[in-house]
Amino acid sequence: MLRYADVALMLAEAYYWQGVSPMAETYLNMVRRRAGLADWSGSDLRQGIYDERLFEFIQEGLRWQDVLRMYSNEEMIEHYNAVNSNFSVKDLLLPIPYNERILNPEGLYQNPGYGVE
């Protein structure tokens, strides 16, 4: 099941990255109008799209995936280091579960920073 707002904001993001800002704004404004808000009038369209995703999907567990798309690894590390000095490249990846690795010990590697048992 997909939500209308999710599809419209995915289209807005796709059009933004293709350089078609008017279409991106159109889809962003569709979601805002549906929520009873005025059309978007900011200066940073990319941030406007991601902010709208934040407000629309709060507490739905989608934010981490949005943040991964929003920022480069370096920007993420810099941003989260300001909050938690222990945040590093390791925190951008999850460890490969041990039970999965023992099924294919030669072919399945562990993500960097988690070591090999």
Protein backbone atom coordinates (compact mmCIF):
# COMPACT_ATOMS: atom_id res chain seq x y z
CA MET A 1 0.00 0.00 0.00
CA LEU A 2 1.32 3.43 -0.93
CA ARG A 3 0.19 6.76 0.36
CA TYR A 4 -0.68 9.56 -2.04
CA ALA A 5 1.64 11.98 -0.25
CA ASP A 6 4.55 9.53 -0.47
CA VAL A 7 4.13 9.07 -4.22
CA ALA A 8 3.70 12.81 -4.84
CA LEU A 9 6.78 13.68 -2.77
CA MET A 10 8.82 10.95 -4.46
CA LEU A 11 7.86 12.51 -7.81
CA ALA A 12 8.78 15.97 -6.49
CA GLU A 13 12.17 14.67 -5.41
CA ALA A 14 12.76 12.89 -8.73
CA TYR A 15 11.87 16.00 -10.74
CA TYR A 16 14.10 18.09 -8.49
CA TRP A 17 17.10 15.85 -9.15
CA GLN A 18 16.35 15.89 -12.89
CA GLY A 19 16.47 19.69 -12.80
CA VAL A 20 12.75 20.17 -13.53
CA SER A 21 11.98 22.45 -10.58
CA PRO A 22 8.52 23.63 -11.75
CA MET A 23 7.22 20.05 -11.81
CA ALA A 24 8.86 19.36 -8.44
CA GLU A 25 7.10 22.37 -6.98
CA THR A 26 3.80 21.25 -8.51
CA TYR A 27 3.93 17.88 -6.73
CA LEU A 28 5.15 19.45 -3.49
CA ASN A 29 2.24 21.90 -3.59
CA MET A 30 -0.26 19.07 -4.27
CA VAL A 31 0.65 17.57 -0.91
CA ARG A 32 0.59 20.94 0.85
CA ARG A 33 -2.84 21.86 -0.58
CA ARG A 34 -4.27 18.48 0.42
CA ALA A 35 -3.14 19.25 3.98
CA GLY A 36 -4.75 22.71 3.83
CA LEU A 37 -1.45 24.60 3.63
CA ALA A 38 -0.42 27.43 1.33
CA ASP A 39 1.87 26.77 -1.63
CA TRP A 40 5.57 26.38 -0.87
CA SER A 41 7.46 29.67 -1.09
CA GLY A 42 10.94 28.92 0.21
CA SER A 43 14.28 29.40 -1.51
CA ASP A 44 15.72 25.85 -1.18
CA LEU A 45 13.42 23.43 -3.01
CA ARG A 46 15.41 20.35 -2.02
CA GLN A 47 15.12 21.22 1.66
CA GLY A 48 11.44 22.08 1.18
CA ILE A 49 10.72 18.62 -0.22
CA TYR A 50 12.57 16.86 2.59
CA ASP A 51 10.95 19.06 5.24
CA GLU A 52 7.54 18.21 3.83
CA ARG A 53 8.43 14.51 3.99
CA LEU A 54 9.47 15.03 7.62
CA PHE A 55 6.16 16.66 8.53
CA GLU A 56 4.01 14.28 6.49
CA PHE A 57 5.59 11.04 7.70
CA ILE A 58 6.58 11.90 11.24
CA GLN A 59 6.78 8.79 13.46
CA GLU A 60 6.45 6.44 10.47
CA GLY A 61 10.10 5.37 10.32
CA LEU A 62 10.94 6.89 6.92
CA ARG A 63 13.25 9.67 8.08
CA TRP A 64 16.53 7.72 8.07
CA GLN A 65 16.12 6.77 4.40
CA ASP A 66 15.33 10.40 3.56
CA VAL A 67 18.42 11.59 5.44
CA LEU A 68 20.58 9.07 3.58
CA ARG A 69 19.38 10.56 0.30
CA MET A 70 19.64 14.17 1.50
CA TYR A 71 23.26 14.25 2.55
CA SER A 72 26.57 12.81 1.42
CA ASN A 73 28.41 10.55 3.86
CA GLU A 74 30.74 13.40 4.80
CA GLU A 75 27.83 15.78 5.49
CA MET A 76 26.08 13.13 7.59
CA ILE A 77 29.17 12.46 9.68
CA GLU A 78 29.75 16.18 10.21
CA HIS A 79 26.10 16.79 11.13
CA TYR A 80 25.71 13.86 13.52
CA ASN A 81 29.16 14.37 15.07
CA ALA A 82 27.90 17.73 16.32
CA VAL A 83 25.24 15.82 18.29
CA ASN A 84 27.16 12.63 19.11
CA SER A 85 30.94 12.63 18.91
CA ASN A 86 30.95 8.82 18.58
CA PHE A 87 29.14 8.88 15.21
CA SER A 88 31.37 7.61 12.39
CA VAL A 89 31.30 5.94 8.96
CA LYS A 90 30.50 2.68 10.76
CA ASP A 91 27.12 4.09 11.80
CA LEU A 92 26.03 4.56 8.18
CA LEU A 93 25.93 0.77 7.70
CA LEU A 94 24.41 -2.07 9.67
CA PRO A 95 26.37 -5.18 10.57
CA ILE A 96 25.77 -8.33 8.53
CA PRO A 97 24.09 -10.78 10.96
CA TYR A 98 26.33 -13.59 12.17
CA ASN A 99 23.83 -16.29 11.17
CA GLU A 100 23.87 -15.00 7.59
CA ARG A 101 27.66 -14.87 7.47
CA ILE A 102 28.11 -18.48 8.63
CA LEU A 103 25.95 -19.65 5.71
CA ASN A 104 28.54 -18.27 3.28
CA PRO A 105 31.78 -17.66 5.22
CA GLU A 106 34.02 -17.19 2.16
CA GLY A 107 31.70 -15.01 0.09
CA LEU A 108 29.96 -12.78 2.63
CA TYR A 109 32.05 -10.03 4.20
CA GLN A 110 31.32 -7.96 7.28
CA ASN A 111 30.66 -4.24 6.84
CA PRO A 112 33.59 -1.97 7.80
CA GLY A 113 33.87 -1.12 11.47
CA TYR A 114 32.16 -4.21 12.86
CA GLY A 115 35.11 -6.60 12.82
CA VAL A 116 35.07 -10.31 12.18
CA GLU A 117 34.20 -12.71 14.97
